[in-house]
Amino acid sequence: MARKTLIWGLLAVAVGVPMAAAAASEQLAWRGPVYIIAGFAGIAALALVLVQPLLIGGYLPGLEAYRGRRAHRVIGGTLVVAVVIHVIGLWITSPPDMIDALTFTSPTPFSPFGVVAMWAIFAVALLALIRRRLGLRTWRIAHMSLAAVIVAGSVVHAVLIEGTMETMTKVALCALVVAAAVKVMVDLWARQNKTRPMMKSSGGSR
């Protein structure tokens, strides 16, 4: 029980502190409501990118195995919604900037990383809809590859932006996102390598 409380408490701190720091930013006084909503949708999306590997790896107490995979799918859909809100909000506040970003002609260095991460998120959502047609191996390779792009693009995008997020809490959140992604990828790779010899020996004994 103590371990469960500790893990969920640490996750709440990891997500809540950057959110609270951004909410206290002086820059919000100069922003309109649509821009603020779009910005916090982006922060929420980054937080969800942290939660996703924790779910699929079974690291969150009470959400292991089937429950974790089901929650992973729900959070994936929520992530898509958060990204759409982020993009639409920024489009409403400044269409020219969004056109430049989407066409990779923006002078801001953070834009292309965010756009690449966005398309990777949409690609995962699309592949999830046709997962059964792909086959398990193809799905895993595509999912893991796109997940790596999402993590890298989202983190670099967030770190390069000088906005409402406080620097130290933002960097800490990004570091946790990378650590969680690397952890789950290493663990899944190890699990697959363990099952392969068992499958081979089982097939050879027939």
N, C-alpha and C. Protein backbone atom coordinates (compact mmCIF):
# COMPACT_ATOMS: atom_id res chain seq x y z
N MET A 1 0.83 -1.21 0.00
CA MET A 1 0.00 0.00 0.00
C MET A 1 0.86 1.26 0.00
N ALA A 2 1.95 1.22 0.82
CA ALA A 2 2.85 2.37 0.89
C ALA A 2 3.54 2.59 -0.45
N ARG A 3 3.95 1.48 -1.09
CA ARG A 3 4.61 1.58 -2.39
C ARG A 3 3.67 2.16 -3.44
N LYS A 4 2.42 1.70 -3.42
CA LYS A 4 1.42 2.20 -4.36
C LYS A 4 1.21 3.70 -4.19
N THR A 5 1.07 4.12 -2.93
CA THR A 5 0.86 5.54 -2.64
C THR A 5 2.07 6.36 -3.07
N LEU A 6 3.26 5.83 -2.84
CA LEU A 6 4.49 6.54 -3.20
C LEU A 6 4.60 6.74 -4.71
N ILE A 7 4.34 5.66 -5.46
CA ILE A 7 4.46 5.75 -6.92
C ILE A 7 3.46 6.75 -7.50
N TRP A 8 2.20 6.65 -7.06
CA TRP A 8 1.19 7.58 -7.57
C TRP A 8 1.46 9.00 -7.10
N GLY A 9 2.00 9.13 -5.89
CA GLY A 9 2.35 10.46 -5.39
C GLY A 9 3.47 11.10 -6.19
N LEU A 10 4.48 10.31 -6.53
CA LEU A 10 5.59 10.82 -7.34
C LEU A 10 5.12 11.23 -8.73
N LEU A 11 4.21 10.44 -9.30
CA LEU A 11 3.68 10.79 -10.61
C LEU A 11 2.88 12.09 -10.54
N ALA A 12 2.09 12.24 -9.48
CA ALA A 12 1.31 13.47 -9.31
C ALA A 12 2.22 14.69 -9.18
N VAL A 13 3.33 14.52 -8.47
CA VAL A 13 4.29 15.62 -8.31
C VAL A 13 4.97 15.92 -9.65
N ALA A 14 5.37 14.87 -10.36
CA ALA A 14 6.06 15.04 -11.64
C ALA A 14 5.21 15.79 -12.64
N VAL A 15 3.91 15.57 -12.61
CA VAL A 15 2.99 16.23 -13.54
C VAL A 15 2.46 17.55 -12.97
N GLY A 16 2.13 17.53 -11.68
CA GLY A 16 1.49 18.69 -11.07
C GLY A 16 2.40 19.89 -10.87
N VAL A 17 3.65 19.66 -10.50
CA VAL A 17 4.56 20.77 -10.23
C VAL A 17 4.84 21.60 -11.49
N PRO A 18 5.16 20.98 -12.64
CA PRO A 18 5.34 21.79 -13.85
C PRO A 18 4.07 22.54 -14.25
N MET A 19 2.91 21.91 -14.06
CA MET A 19 1.64 22.56 -14.37
C MET A 19 1.44 23.79 -13.47
N ALA A 20 1.70 23.61 -12.17
CA ALA A 20 1.52 24.71 -11.22
C ALA A 20 2.51 25.85 -11.51
N ALA A 21 3.74 25.49 -11.85
CA ALA A 21 4.74 26.50 -12.17
C ALA A 21 4.34 27.29 -13.41
N ALA A 22 3.80 26.60 -14.40
CA ALA A 22 3.34 27.28 -15.62
C ALA A 22 2.15 28.18 -15.32
N ALA A 23 1.26 27.72 -14.44
CA ALA A 23 0.08 28.51 -14.08
C ALA A 23 0.46 29.79 -13.34
N ALA A 24 1.62 29.77 -12.68
CA ALA A 24 2.07 30.94 -11.93
C ALA A 24 2.95 31.87 -12.77
N SER A 25 3.14 31.54 -14.03
CA SER A 25 4.01 32.33 -14.90
C SER A 25 3.45 33.74 -15.13
N GLU A 26 4.34 34.72 -15.08
CA GLU A 26 3.94 36.11 -15.32
C GLU A 26 3.54 36.34 -16.78
N GLN A 27 4.01 35.46 -17.65
CA GLN A 27 3.71 35.63 -19.08
C GLN A 27 2.23 35.43 -19.39
N LEU A 28 1.50 34.75 -18.51
CA LEU A 28 0.08 34.51 -18.76
C LEU A 28 -0.72 35.81 -18.78
N ALA A 29 -0.21 36.82 -18.10
CA ALA A 29 -0.92 38.11 -18.05
C ALA A 29 -1.01 38.75 -19.43
N TRP A 30 -0.09 38.39 -20.32
CA TRP A 30 -0.06 38.98 -21.66
C TRP A 30 -0.67 38.06 -22.71
N ARG A 31 -1.26 36.97 -22.29
CA ARG A 31 -1.82 36.01 -23.24
C ARG A 31 -3.34 35.98 -23.15
N GLY A 32 -3.99 35.72 -24.29
CA GLY A 32 -5.44 35.57 -24.32
C GLY A 32 -5.85 34.18 -23.87
N PRO A 33 -7.13 33.98 -23.59
CA PRO A 33 -7.61 32.67 -23.08
C PRO A 33 -7.38 31.52 -24.06
N VAL A 34 -7.54 31.77 -25.35
CA VAL A 34 -7.35 30.70 -26.33
C VAL A 34 -5.90 30.24 -26.34
N TYR A 35 -4.98 31.20 -26.30
CA TYR A 35 -3.56 30.87 -26.29
C TYR A 35 -3.20 30.10 -25.03
N ILE A 36 -3.76 30.51 -23.89
CA ILE A 36 -3.48 29.84 -22.62
C ILE A 36 -3.98 28.40 -22.65
N ILE A 37 -5.19 28.21 -23.16
CA ILE A 37 -5.75 26.85 -23.27
C ILE A 37 -4.87 25.99 -24.17
N ALA A 38 -4.45 26.56 -25.30
CA ALA A 38 -3.59 25.83 -26.24
C ALA A 38 -2.27 25.45 -25.58
N GLY A 39 -1.71 26.40 -24.82
CA GLY A 39 -0.43 26.13 -24.16
C GLY A 39 -0.53 25.03 -23.12
N PHE A 40 -1.58 25.07 -22.31
CA PHE A 40 -1.73 24.05 -21.28
C PHE A 40 -2.13 22.70 -21.88
N ALA A 41 -2.78 22.72 -23.03
CA ALA A 41 -3.04 21.46 -23.73
C ALA A 41 -1.72 20.82 -24.15
N GLY A 42 -0.77 21.66 -24.55
CA GLY A 42 0.55 21.15 -24.91
C GLY A 42 1.28 20.58 -23.71
N ILE A 43 1.17 21.25 -22.56
CA ILE A 43 1.80 20.74 -21.34
C ILE A 43 1.16 19.43 -20.92
N ALA A 44 -0.16 19.37 -21.02
CA ALA A 44 -0.89 18.14 -20.69
C ALA A 44 -0.45 16.99 -21.61
N ALA A 45 -0.25 17.31 -22.89
CA ALA A 45 0.19 16.29 -23.84
C ALA A 45 1.56 15.74 -23.44
N LEU A 46 2.46 16.62 -23.03
CA LEU A 46 3.79 16.17 -22.59
C LEU A 46 3.67 15.27 -21.36
N ALA A 47 2.77 15.63 -20.44
CA ALA A 47 2.56 14.79 -19.26
C ALA A 47 2.02 13.42 -19.64
N LEU A 48 1.14 13.38 -20.63
CA LEU A 48 0.57 12.10 -21.07
C LEU A 48 1.63 11.23 -21.75
N VAL A 49 2.59 11.87 -22.40
CA VAL A 49 3.69 11.13 -23.02
C VAL A 49 4.52 10.44 -21.93
N LEU A 50 4.55 11.02 -20.73
CA LEU A 50 5.21 10.37 -19.60
C LEU A 50 4.39 9.18 -19.10
N VAL A 51 3.08 9.34 -19.03
CA VAL A 51 2.22 8.30 -18.49
C VAL A 51 2.18 7.06 -19.39
N GLN A 52 2.22 7.26 -20.70
CA GLN A 52 2.05 6.15 -21.65
C GLN A 52 3.04 4.99 -21.45
N PRO A 53 4.34 5.25 -21.38
CA PRO A 53 5.25 4.11 -21.17
C PRO A 53 5.09 3.48 -19.80
N LEU A 54 4.71 4.27 -18.80
CA LEU A 54 4.49 3.71 -17.46
C LEU A 54 3.34 2.73 -17.47
N LEU A 55 2.33 3.02 -18.27
CA LEU A 55 1.17 2.13 -18.38
C LEU A 55 1.52 0.85 -19.12
N ILE A 56 2.16 0.99 -20.28
CA ILE A 56 2.43 -0.19 -21.09
C ILE A 56 3.49 -1.08 -20.43
N GLY A 57 4.34 -0.48 -19.57
CA GLY A 57 5.33 -1.27 -18.87
C GLY A 57 4.80 -1.91 -17.60
N GLY A 58 3.58 -1.52 -17.20
CA GLY A 58 2.99 -2.09 -15.99
C GLY A 58 3.60 -1.55 -14.71
N TYR A 59 4.09 -0.31 -14.75
CA TYR A 59 4.78 0.26 -13.59
C TYR A 59 3.84 0.99 -12.63
N LEU A 60 2.59 1.20 -13.02
CA LEU A 60 1.65 1.92 -12.17
C LEU A 60 0.77 0.92 -11.42
N PRO A 61 0.85 0.91 -10.09
CA PRO A 61 0.07 -0.04 -9.28
C PRO A 61 -1.42 0.07 -9.56
N GLY A 62 -2.04 -1.08 -9.75
CA GLY A 62 -3.47 -1.12 -10.04
C GLY A 62 -3.78 -1.07 -11.52
N LEU A 63 -2.77 -0.77 -12.32
CA LEU A 63 -2.98 -0.69 -13.77
C LEU A 63 -1.97 -1.56 -14.50
N GLU A 64 -1.79 -2.76 -14.00
CA GLU A 64 -0.88 -3.69 -14.66
C GLU A 64 -1.65 -4.53 -15.68
N ALA A 65 -0.89 -5.20 -16.53
CA ALA A 65 -1.43 -6.18 -17.50
C ALA A 65 -2.58 -5.57 -18.32
N TYR A 66 -3.72 -6.26 -18.34
CA TYR A 66 -4.83 -5.84 -19.20
C TYR A 66 -5.31 -4.44 -18.87
N ARG A 67 -5.42 -4.12 -17.58
CA ARG A 67 -5.89 -2.79 -17.19
C ARG A 67 -4.94 -1.71 -17.70
N GLY A 68 -3.65 -1.98 -17.62
CA GLY A 68 -2.68 -1.02 -18.10
C GLY A 68 -2.77 -0.81 -19.59
N ARG A 69 -2.95 -1.90 -20.35
CA ARG A 69 -3.06 -1.78 -21.80
C ARG A 69 -4.32 -1.04 -22.20
N ARG A 70 -5.41 -1.31 -21.48
CA ARG A 70 -6.66 -0.61 -21.77
C ARG A 70 -6.53 0.89 -21.46
N ALA A 71 -5.92 1.20 -20.32
CA ALA A 71 -5.69 2.60 -19.96
C ALA A 71 -4.75 3.27 -20.96
N HIS A 72 -3.77 2.50 -21.46
CA HIS A 72 -2.82 3.01 -22.46
C HIS A 72 -3.57 3.47 -23.72
N ARG A 73 -4.56 2.69 -24.13
CA ARG A 73 -5.35 3.06 -25.31
C ARG A 73 -6.19 4.30 -25.04
N VAL A 74 -6.77 4.38 -23.86
CA VAL A 74 -7.60 5.55 -23.51
C VAL A 74 -6.74 6.81 -23.44
N ILE A 75 -5.58 6.70 -22.80
CA ILE A 75 -4.68 7.85 -22.69
C ILE A 75 -4.15 8.24 -24.06
N GLY A 76 -3.96 7.25 -24.94
CA GLY A 76 -3.53 7.56 -26.30
C GLY A 76 -4.54 8.43 -27.03
N GLY A 77 -5.82 8.09 -26.88
CA GLY A 77 -6.87 8.92 -27.47
C GLY A 77 -6.91 10.30 -26.86
N THR A 78 -6.71 10.37 -25.54
CA THR A 78 -6.68 11.67 -24.86
C THR A 78 -5.50 12.50 -25.33
N LEU A 79 -4.38 11.85 -25.59
CA LEU A 79 -3.20 12.54 -26.10
C LEU A 79 -3.48 13.17 -27.46
N VAL A 80 -4.16 12.44 -28.32
CA VAL A 80 -4.52 12.97 -29.64
C VAL A 80 -5.40 14.21 -29.48
N VAL A 81 -6.39 14.14 -28.58
CA VAL A 81 -7.28 15.28 -28.34
C VAL A 81 -6.49 16.49 -27.83
N ALA A 82 -5.56 16.26 -26.90
CA ALA A 82 -4.76 17.35 -26.35
C ALA A 82 -3.92 18.02 -27.43
N VAL A 83 -3.34 17.22 -28.32
CA VAL A 83 -2.53 17.77 -29.41
C VAL A 83 -3.40 18.58 -30.38
N VAL A 84 -4.58 18.06 -30.68
CA VAL A 84 -5.50 18.78 -31.58
C VAL A 84 -5.90 20.12 -30.97
N ILE A 85 -6.22 20.14 -29.68
CA ILE A 85 -6.56 21.39 -29.00
C ILE A 85 -5.39 22.36 -29.04
N HIS A 86 -4.20 21.84 -28.81
CA HIS A 86 -2.98 22.64 -28.84
C HIS A 86 -2.79 23.31 -30.21
N VAL A 87 -2.93 22.51 -31.24
CA VAL A 87 -2.71 23.01 -32.60
C VAL A 87 -3.82 23.99 -33.02
N ILE A 88 -5.06 23.63 -32.77
CA ILE A 88 -6.18 24.51 -33.15
C ILE A 88 -6.10 25.84 -32.41
N GLY A 89 -5.76 25.77 -31.11
CA GLY A 89 -5.64 27.01 -30.34
C GLY A 89 -4.56 27.92 -30.88
N LEU A 90 -3.42 27.36 -31.22
CA LEU A 90 -2.34 28.16 -31.78
C LEU A 90 -2.69 28.68 -33.17
N TRP A 91 -3.46 27.86 -33.91
CA TRP A 91 -3.90 28.31 -35.24
C TRP A 91 -4.83 29.52 -35.12
N ILE A 92 -5.73 29.48 -34.16
CA ILE A 92 -6.67 30.59 -33.96
C ILE A 92 -5.93 31.87 -33.57
N THR A 93 -4.92 31.75 -32.73
CA THR A 93 -4.20 32.93 -32.25
C THR A 93 -3.21 33.47 -33.29
N SER A 94 -2.68 32.59 -34.14
CA SER A 94 -1.71 33.06 -35.13
C SER A 94 -1.61 32.09 -36.31
N PRO A 95 -2.55 32.19 -37.26
CA PRO A 95 -2.53 31.29 -38.44
C PRO A 95 -1.22 31.30 -39.22
N PRO A 96 -0.60 32.49 -39.48
CA PRO A 96 0.66 32.48 -40.25
C PRO A 96 1.76 31.66 -39.59
N ASP A 97 1.85 31.77 -38.26
CA ASP A 97 2.89 31.02 -37.55
C ASP A 97 2.65 29.51 -37.66
N MET A 98 1.38 29.11 -37.58
CA MET A 98 1.07 27.69 -37.68
C MET A 98 1.31 27.16 -39.10
N ILE A 99 1.02 27.98 -40.10
CA ILE A 99 1.29 27.57 -41.49
C ILE A 99 2.78 27.36 -41.68
N ASP A 100 3.57 28.30 -41.16
CA ASP A 100 5.04 28.16 -41.25
C ASP A 100 5.51 26.89 -40.54
N ALA A 101 4.92 26.62 -39.37
CA ALA A 101 5.32 25.44 -38.60
C ALA A 101 4.97 24.16 -39.36
N LEU A 102 3.75 24.08 -39.87
CA LEU A 102 3.29 22.87 -40.53
C LEU A 102 4.00 22.62 -41.86
N THR A 103 4.50 23.68 -42.47
CA THR A 103 5.23 23.54 -43.74
C THR A 103 6.74 23.53 -43.54
N PHE A 104 7.17 23.47 -42.28
CA PHE A 104 8.59 23.42 -41.92
C PHE A 104 9.37 24.62 -42.44
N THR A 105 8.73 25.78 -42.44
CA THR A 105 9.41 27.01 -42.86
C THR A 105 9.51 28.02 -41.73
N SER A 106 9.16 27.60 -40.52
CA SER A 106 9.19 28.51 -39.38
C SER A 106 10.63 28.79 -38.96
N PRO A 107 10.95 30.05 -38.62
CA PRO A 107 12.31 30.38 -38.16
C PRO A 107 12.58 29.90 -36.74
N THR A 108 11.54 29.54 -36.00
CA THR A 108 11.74 29.09 -34.62
C THR A 108 12.26 27.66 -34.61
N PRO A 109 13.33 27.38 -33.86
CA PRO A 109 13.95 26.04 -33.90
C PRO A 109 13.10 24.94 -33.31
N PHE A 110 12.14 25.29 -32.43
CA PHE A 110 11.35 24.25 -31.77
C PHE A 110 10.20 23.72 -32.63
N SER A 111 9.79 24.49 -33.65
CA SER A 111 8.61 24.14 -34.44
C SER A 111 8.69 22.78 -35.14
N PRO A 112 9.76 22.49 -35.89
CA PRO A 112 9.79 21.21 -36.63
C PRO A 112 9.71 19.99 -35.72
N PHE A 113 10.29 20.07 -34.54
CA PHE A 113 10.26 18.93 -33.61
C PHE A 113 8.84 18.67 -33.13
N GLY A 114 8.10 19.76 -32.86
CA GLY A 114 6.72 19.61 -32.43
C GLY A 114 5.84 19.04 -33.53
N VAL A 115 6.06 19.49 -34.75
CA VAL A 115 5.26 19.02 -35.88
C VAL A 115 5.53 17.54 -36.16
N VAL A 116 6.79 17.15 -36.12
CA VAL A 116 7.14 15.74 -36.34
C VAL A 116 6.51 14.86 -35.26
N ALA A 117 6.58 15.31 -34.00
CA ALA A 117 5.97 14.56 -32.91
C ALA A 117 4.46 14.46 -33.11
N MET A 118 3.84 15.55 -33.56
CA MET A 118 2.40 15.55 -33.79
C MET A 118 2.00 14.52 -34.83
N TRP A 119 2.70 14.50 -35.96
CA TRP A 119 2.36 13.54 -37.02
C TRP A 119 2.62 12.11 -36.56
N ALA A 120 3.64 11.93 -35.74
CA ALA A 120 3.92 10.58 -35.21
C ALA A 120 2.79 10.12 -34.28
N ILE A 121 2.26 11.04 -33.49
CA ILE A 121 1.12 10.72 -32.61
C ILE A 121 -0.09 10.35 -33.44
N PHE A 122 -0.36 11.12 -34.49
CA PHE A 122 -1.50 10.81 -35.36
C PHE A 122 -1.29 9.47 -36.07
N ALA A 123 -0.04 9.18 -36.45
CA ALA A 123 0.25 7.93 -37.14
C ALA A 123 0.00 6.73 -36.22
N VAL A 124 0.41 6.84 -34.95
CA VAL A 124 0.16 5.75 -33.99
C VAL A 124 -1.34 5.54 -33.82
N ALA A 125 -2.09 6.64 -33.70
CA ALA A 125 -3.54 6.53 -33.55
C ALA A 125 -4.18 5.83 -34.74
N LEU A 126 -3.70 6.18 -35.94
CA LEU A 126 -4.23 5.56 -37.15
C LEU A 126 -3.89 4.08 -37.21
N LEU A 127 -2.65 3.75 -36.90
CA LEU A 127 -2.23 2.34 -36.92
C LEU A 127 -2.98 1.53 -35.87
N ALA A 128 -3.31 2.17 -34.74
CA ALA A 128 -4.05 1.46 -33.69
C ALA A 128 -5.43 1.02 -34.19
N LEU A 129 -5.99 1.82 -35.11
CA LEU A 129 -7.32 1.48 -35.64
C LEU A 129 -7.27 0.25 -36.56
N ILE A 130 -6.11 0.02 -37.17
CA ILE A 130 -5.98 -1.11 -38.09
C ILE A 130 -4.98 -2.14 -37.55
N ARG A 131 -4.82 -2.15 -36.25
CA ARG A 131 -3.81 -3.00 -35.61
C ARG A 131 -3.95 -4.46 -35.97
N ARG A 132 -5.16 -4.97 -36.00
CA ARG A 132 -5.38 -6.39 -36.26
C ARG A 132 -4.96 -6.79 -37.66
N ARG A 133 -5.01 -5.86 -38.58
CA ARG A 133 -4.60 -6.16 -39.96
C ARG A 133 -3.08 -6.18 -40.11
N LEU A 134 -2.38 -5.53 -39.20
CA LEU A 134 -0.93 -5.39 -39.33
C LEU A 134 -0.17 -6.63 -38.88
N GLY A 135 -0.72 -7.32 -37.89
CA GLY A 135 0.03 -8.41 -37.29
C GLY A 135 0.81 -7.90 -36.10
N LEU A 136 1.04 -8.75 -35.11
CA LEU A 136 1.66 -8.33 -33.86
C LEU A 136 3.07 -7.80 -34.05
N ARG A 137 3.89 -8.48 -34.83
CA ARG A 137 5.28 -8.07 -35.02
C ARG A 137 5.37 -6.71 -35.70
N THR A 138 4.61 -6.54 -36.78
CA THR A 138 4.62 -5.26 -37.51
C THR A 138 4.14 -4.13 -36.62
N TRP A 139 3.06 -4.41 -35.85
CA TRP A 139 2.52 -3.39 -34.95
C TRP A 139 3.55 -2.97 -33.90
N ARG A 140 4.24 -3.94 -33.32
CA ARG A 140 5.22 -3.62 -32.29
C ARG A 140 6.36 -2.78 -32.84
N ILE A 141 6.86 -3.15 -34.00
CA ILE A 141 7.97 -2.41 -34.60
C ILE A 141 7.55 -0.98 -34.93
N ALA A 142 6.37 -0.84 -35.55
CA ALA A 142 5.88 0.48 -35.93
C ALA A 142 5.59 1.33 -34.70
N HIS A 143 4.96 0.70 -33.72
CA HIS A 143 4.59 1.43 -32.49
C HIS A 143 5.81 1.91 -31.74
N MET A 144 6.78 1.03 -31.56
CA MET A 144 7.99 1.39 -30.82
C MET A 144 8.79 2.47 -31.55
N SER A 145 8.86 2.34 -32.87
CA SER A 145 9.61 3.33 -33.65
C SER A 145 8.96 4.71 -33.57
N LEU A 146 7.64 4.73 -33.74
CA LEU A 146 6.92 6.01 -33.66
C LEU A 146 6.94 6.56 -32.24
N ALA A 147 6.89 5.69 -31.25
CA ALA A 147 6.95 6.14 -29.86
C ALA A 147 8.28 6.85 -29.58
N ALA A 148 9.37 6.31 -30.14
CA ALA A 148 10.68 6.95 -29.97
C ALA A 148 10.69 8.33 -30.61
N VAL A 149 10.07 8.45 -31.78
CA VAL A 149 9.98 9.75 -32.46
C VAL A 149 9.15 10.74 -31.63
N ILE A 150 8.04 10.23 -31.08
CA ILE A 150 7.16 11.08 -30.27
C ILE A 150 7.91 11.62 -29.05
N VAL A 151 8.61 10.74 -28.36
CA VAL A 151 9.34 11.15 -27.16
C VAL A 151 10.43 12.15 -27.51
N ALA A 152 11.24 11.83 -28.49
CA ALA A 152 12.34 12.72 -28.87
C ALA A 152 11.82 14.07 -29.36
N GLY A 153 10.83 14.04 -30.25
CA GLY A 153 10.29 15.28 -30.78
C GLY A 153 9.63 16.13 -29.72
N SER A 154 8.84 15.50 -28.85
CA SER A 154 8.12 16.24 -27.80
C SER A 154 9.09 16.88 -26.81
N VAL A 155 10.10 16.14 -26.42
CA VAL A 155 11.07 16.64 -25.44
C VAL A 155 11.88 17.80 -26.00
N VAL A 156 12.41 17.64 -27.20
CA VAL A 156 13.20 18.72 -27.80
C VAL A 156 12.32 19.94 -28.03
N HIS A 157 11.11 19.72 -28.51
CA HIS A 157 10.15 20.81 -28.73
C HIS A 157 9.91 21.59 -27.44
N ALA A 158 9.68 20.87 -26.35
CA ALA A 158 9.40 21.53 -25.07
C ALA A 158 10.62 22.26 -24.52
N VAL A 159 11.78 21.62 -24.60
CA VAL A 159 13.00 22.22 -24.03
C VAL A 159 13.38 23.51 -24.76
N LEU A 160 13.19 23.53 -26.08
CA LEU A 160 13.59 24.71 -26.87
C LEU A 160 12.64 25.89 -26.72
N ILE A 161 11.40 25.63 -26.31
CA ILE A 161 10.43 26.72 -26.17
C ILE A 161 10.73 27.52 -24.90
N GLU A 162 10.77 28.83 -25.04
CA GLU A 162 10.89 29.72 -23.88
C GLU A 162 9.53 30.36 -23.67
N GLY A 163 8.68 29.66 -22.95
CA GLY A 163 7.32 30.11 -22.75
C GLY A 163 6.92 30.14 -21.30
N THR A 164 5.69 29.71 -21.04
CA THR A 164 5.15 29.80 -19.68
C THR A 164 5.72 28.74 -18.74
N MET A 165 6.22 27.63 -19.28
CA MET A 165 6.77 26.59 -18.41
C MET A 165 8.06 27.05 -17.75
N GLU A 166 8.16 26.81 -16.45
CA GLU A 166 9.37 27.15 -15.71
C GLU A 166 10.48 26.18 -16.11
N THR A 167 11.69 26.70 -16.28
CA THR A 167 12.78 25.93 -16.90
C THR A 167 13.13 24.65 -16.15
N MET A 168 13.37 24.73 -14.85
CA MET A 168 13.84 23.57 -14.11
C MET A 168 12.78 22.46 -14.06
N THR A 169 11.53 22.83 -13.79
CA THR A 169 10.48 21.80 -13.73
C THR A 169 10.21 21.21 -15.11
N LYS A 170 10.36 22.04 -16.14
CA LYS A 170 10.17 21.55 -17.50
C LYS A 170 11.26 20.53 -17.87
N VAL A 171 12.49 20.86 -17.57
CA VAL A 171 13.60 19.96 -17.87
C VAL A 171 13.46 18.66 -17.08
N ALA A 172 13.02 18.78 -15.82
CA ALA A 172 12.83 17.59 -15.00
C ALA A 172 11.75 16.68 -15.58
N LEU A 173 10.65 17.28 -16.03
CA LEU A 173 9.57 16.49 -16.64
C LEU A 173 10.06 15.82 -17.92
N CYS A 174 10.80 16.56 -18.73
CA CYS A 174 11.32 15.99 -19.98
C CYS A 174 12.29 14.86 -19.71
N ALA A 175 13.11 15.01 -18.67
CA ALA A 175 14.05 13.94 -18.31
C ALA A 175 13.30 12.69 -17.88
N LEU A 176 12.21 12.86 -17.15
CA LEU A 176 11.40 11.72 -16.73
C LEU A 176 10.74 11.04 -17.93
N VAL A 177 10.30 11.83 -18.90
CA VAL A 177 9.69 11.27 -20.11
C VAL A 177 10.70 10.38 -20.84
N VAL A 178 11.92 10.88 -21.00
CA VAL A 178 12.96 10.10 -21.68
C VAL A 178 13.30 8.85 -20.87
N ALA A 179 13.46 9.00 -19.55
CA ALA A 179 13.82 7.87 -18.70
C ALA A 179 12.75 6.78 -18.74
N ALA A 180 11.48 7.18 -18.68
CA ALA A 180 10.39 6.20 -18.71
C ALA A 180 10.35 5.47 -20.05
N ALA A 181 10.56 6.21 -21.14
CA ALA A 181 10.53 5.60 -22.46
C ALA A 181 11.67 4.61 -22.64
N VAL A 182 12.87 5.00 -22.22
CA VAL A 182 14.03 4.11 -22.34
C VAL A 182 13.84 2.88 -21.47
N LYS A 183 13.34 3.07 -20.26
CA LYS A 183 13.11 1.96 -19.33
C LYS A 183 12.17 0.92 -19.93
N VAL A 184 11.04 1.37 -20.46
CA VAL A 184 10.05 0.41 -20.98
C VAL A 184 10.57 -0.26 -22.25
N MET A 185 11.30 0.46 -23.08
CA MET A 185 11.83 -0.14 -24.30
C MET A 185 12.86 -1.22 -23.98
N VAL A 186 13.72 -0.95 -23.00
CA VAL A 186 14.72 -1.93 -22.58
C VAL A 186 14.04 -3.16 -21.97
N ASP A 187 13.04 -2.92 -21.13
CA ASP A 187 12.33 -4.03 -20.48
C ASP A 187 11.58 -4.89 -21.49
N LEU A 188 10.90 -4.24 -22.45
CA LEU A 188 10.16 -5.00 -23.45
C LEU A 188 11.11 -5.81 -24.33
N TRP A 189 12.24 -5.22 -24.67
CA TRP A 189 13.24 -5.94 -25.48
C TRP A 189 13.76 -7.15 -24.72
N ALA A 190 13.99 -6.98 -23.42
CA ALA A 190 14.48 -8.10 -22.60
C ALA A 190 13.42 -9.19 -22.49
N ARG A 191 12.17 -8.81 -22.34
CA ARG A 191 11.09 -9.80 -22.25
C ARG A 191 10.96 -10.60 -23.53
N GLN A 192 11.08 -9.92 -24.66
CA GLN A 192 10.95 -10.60 -25.94
C GLN A 192 12.10 -11.58 -26.15
N ASN A 193 13.30 -11.19 -25.73
CA ASN A 193 14.46 -12.09 -25.87
C ASN A 193 14.34 -13.32 -24.97
N LYS A 194 13.65 -13.17 -23.84
CA LYS A 194 13.45 -14.31 -22.96
C LYS A 194 12.44 -15.30 -23.54
N THR A 195 11.42 -14.78 -24.19
CA THR A 195 10.37 -15.66 -24.72
C THR A 195 10.81 -16.38 -25.98
N ARG A 196 11.73 -15.81 -26.75
CA ARG A 196 12.14 -16.44 -28.00
C ARG A 196 12.79 -17.80 -27.78
N PRO A 197 13.76 -17.93 -26.86
CA PRO A 197 14.34 -19.27 -26.65
C PRO A 197 13.31 -20.29 -26.18
N MET A 198 12.35 -19.85 -25.36
CA MET A 198 11.31 -20.76 -24.88
C MET A 198 10.44 -21.26 -26.03
N MET A 199 10.13 -20.34 -26.95
CA MET A 199 9.31 -20.71 -28.11
C MET A 199 10.06 -21.68 -29.01
N LYS A 200 11.39 -21.43 -29.17
CA LYS A 200 12.19 -22.30 -30.03
C LYS A 200 12.31 -23.70 -29.44
N SER A 201 12.57 -23.75 -28.12
CA SER A 201 12.71 -25.06 -27.47
C SER A 201 11.41 -25.82 -27.48
N SER A 202 10.31 -25.09 -27.34
CA SER A 202 8.99 -25.71 -27.36
C SER A 202 8.71 -26.29 -28.75
N GLY A 203 9.10 -25.54 -29.78
CA GLY A 203 8.86 -26.00 -31.15
C GLY A 203 9.76 -27.17 -31.50
N GLY A 204 10.99 -27.20 -30.90
CA GLY A 204 11.91 -28.26 -31.22
C GLY A 204 11.58 -29.59 -30.56
N SER A 205 10.76 -29.51 -29.49
CA SER A 205 10.44 -30.74 -28.75
C SER A 205 9.30 -31.50 -29.36
N ARG A 206 8.63 -30.92 -30.35
CA ARG A 206 7.49 -31.58 -30.97
C ARG A 206 7.92 -32.64 -31.98
